[in-house]
C-alpha atoms as a PDB file:
ATOM      1  CA  ASN A   1     -24.949 -84.592  12.853  1.00  0.00           C
ATOM      2  CA  ALA A   2     -21.862 -83.325  11.750  1.00  0.00           C
ATOM      3  CA  LYS A   3     -18.656 -83.309  14.337  1.00  0.00           C
ATOM      4  CA  PRO A   4     -18.296 -79.529  15.758  1.00  0.00           C
ATOM      5  CA  LEU A   5     -15.291 -77.739  14.188  1.00  0.00           C
ATOM      6  CA  THR A   6     -12.160 -77.804  16.782  1.00  0.00           C
ATOM      7  CA  PHE A   7     -10.670 -74.397  17.293  1.00  0.00           C
ATOM      8  CA  ASP A   8      -7.636 -75.158  14.692  1.00  0.00           C
ATOM      9  CA  ASP A   9      -9.845 -76.631  12.491  1.00  0.00           C
ATOM     10  CA  VAL A  10     -11.585 -73.099  11.843  1.00  0.00           C
ATOM     11  CA  TYR A  11      -8.184 -71.572  12.308  1.00  0.00           C
ATOM     12  CA  ASN A  12      -6.633 -73.385   9.293  1.00  0.00           C
ATOM     13  CA  GLN A  13      -9.898 -72.884   7.176  1.00  0.00           C
ATOM     14  CA  SER A  14      -9.193 -69.166   7.777  1.00  0.00           C
ATOM     15  CA  SER A  15      -7.412 -66.408   5.679  1.00  0.00           C
ATOM     16  CA  GLN A  16      -4.049 -65.605   6.671  1.00  0.00           C
ATOM     17  CA  THR A  17      -5.338 -61.908   7.270  1.00  0.00           C
ATOM     18  CA  ASN A  18      -8.336 -62.882   9.155  1.00  0.00           C
ATOM     19  CA  CYS A  19      -8.239 -60.756  12.297  1.00  0.00           C
ATOM     20  CA  THR A  20     -11.558 -60.806  13.467  1.00  0.00           C
ATOM     21  CA  VAL A  21     -12.081 -59.941  17.359  1.00  0.00           C
ATOM     22  CA  TYR A  22     -15.154 -61.348  19.386  1.00  0.00           C
ATOM     23  CA  CYS A  23     -15.817 -58.790  22.329  1.00  0.00           C
ATOM     24  CA  GLY A  24     -18.087 -60.228  24.859  1.00  0.00           C
ATOM     25  CA  GLY A  25     -19.867 -58.983  28.043  1.00  0.00           C
ATOM     26  CA  LEU A  26     -20.642 -55.633  26.753  1.00  0.00           C
ATOM     27  CA  THR A  27     -22.909 -53.177  28.565  1.00  0.00           C
ATOM     28  CA  ASN A  28     -25.981 -51.673  26.976  1.00  0.00           C
ATOM     29  CA  GLY A  29     -24.253 -47.944  26.979  1.00  0.00           C
ATOM     30  CA  LEU A  30     -21.455 -49.050  24.787  1.00  0.00           C
ATOM     31  CA  THR A  31     -21.620 -47.409  21.490  1.00  0.00           C
ATOM     32  CA  GLU A  32     -19.857 -47.999  18.426  1.00  0.00           C
ATOM     33  CA  GLU A  33     -17.924 -45.055  18.818  1.00  0.00           C
ATOM     34  CA  LEU A  34     -16.475 -45.943  21.703  1.00  0.00           C
ATOM     35  CA  ILE A  35     -15.192 -49.483  20.529  1.00  0.00           C
ATOM     36  CA  GLN A  36     -14.218 -47.587  17.477  1.00  0.00           C
ATOM     37  CA  LYS A  37     -12.018 -45.440  19.338  1.00  0.00           C
ATOM     38  CA  THR A  38     -10.950 -48.195  21.903  1.00  0.00           C
ATOM     39  CA  PHE A  39      -9.464 -50.671  18.821  1.00  0.00           C
ATOM     40  CA  ASN A  40      -8.133 -47.811  16.498  1.00  0.00           C
ATOM     41  CA  ASN A  41      -4.879 -48.145  18.671  1.00  0.00           C
ATOM     42  CA  PHE A  42      -4.250 -51.588  17.666  1.00  0.00           C
ATOM     43  CA  GLY A  43      -4.763 -50.830  13.509  1.00  0.00           C
ATOM     44  CA  LEU A  44      -7.282 -50.273  11.121  1.00  0.00           C
ATOM     45  CA  ILE A  45     -10.416 -51.272  11.677  1.00  0.00           C
ATOM     46  CA  GLN A  46     -12.491 -52.723   8.352  1.00  0.00           C
ATOM     47  CA  GLU A  47     -15.949 -53.483  10.230  1.00  0.00           C
ATOM     48  CA  ILE A  48     -17.740 -53.302  13.594  1.00  0.00           C
ATOM     49  CA  ARG A  49     -20.451 -55.830  13.887  1.00  0.00           C
ATOM     50  CA  VAL A  50     -22.637 -54.905  17.051  1.00  0.00           C
ATOM     51  CA  PHE A  51     -25.702 -57.404  18.443  1.00  0.00           C
ATOM     52  CA  LYS A  52     -26.460 -55.010  21.513  1.00  0.00           C
ATOM     53  CA  ASP A  53     -29.310 -57.346  22.198  1.00  0.00           C
ATOM     54  CA  LYS A  54     -26.802 -59.958  22.718  1.00  0.00           C
ATOM     55  CA  GLY A  55     -23.942 -57.838  24.462  1.00  0.00           C
ATOM     56  CA  TYR A  56     -21.312 -58.448  22.117  1.00  0.00           C
ATOM     57  CA  ALA A  57     -19.879 -57.525  18.918  1.00  0.00           C
ATOM     58  CA  PHE A  58     -17.007 -58.813  16.441  1.00  0.00           C
ATOM     59  CA  VAL A  59     -14.489 -56.236  15.415  1.00  0.00           C
END
């Protein structure tokens, strides 16, 4: 069994421009459009991946 990576391991292997944000605890009614409107204040959004059945998204 491989040892799980630590945060530092993952961070050091990531691109300097990586800025993916995990959003958990999402409700069923939350739309991708609302996520877009909320995060537009922080800069250009390249991709939103929503996992509605699991209640989370990556922005």
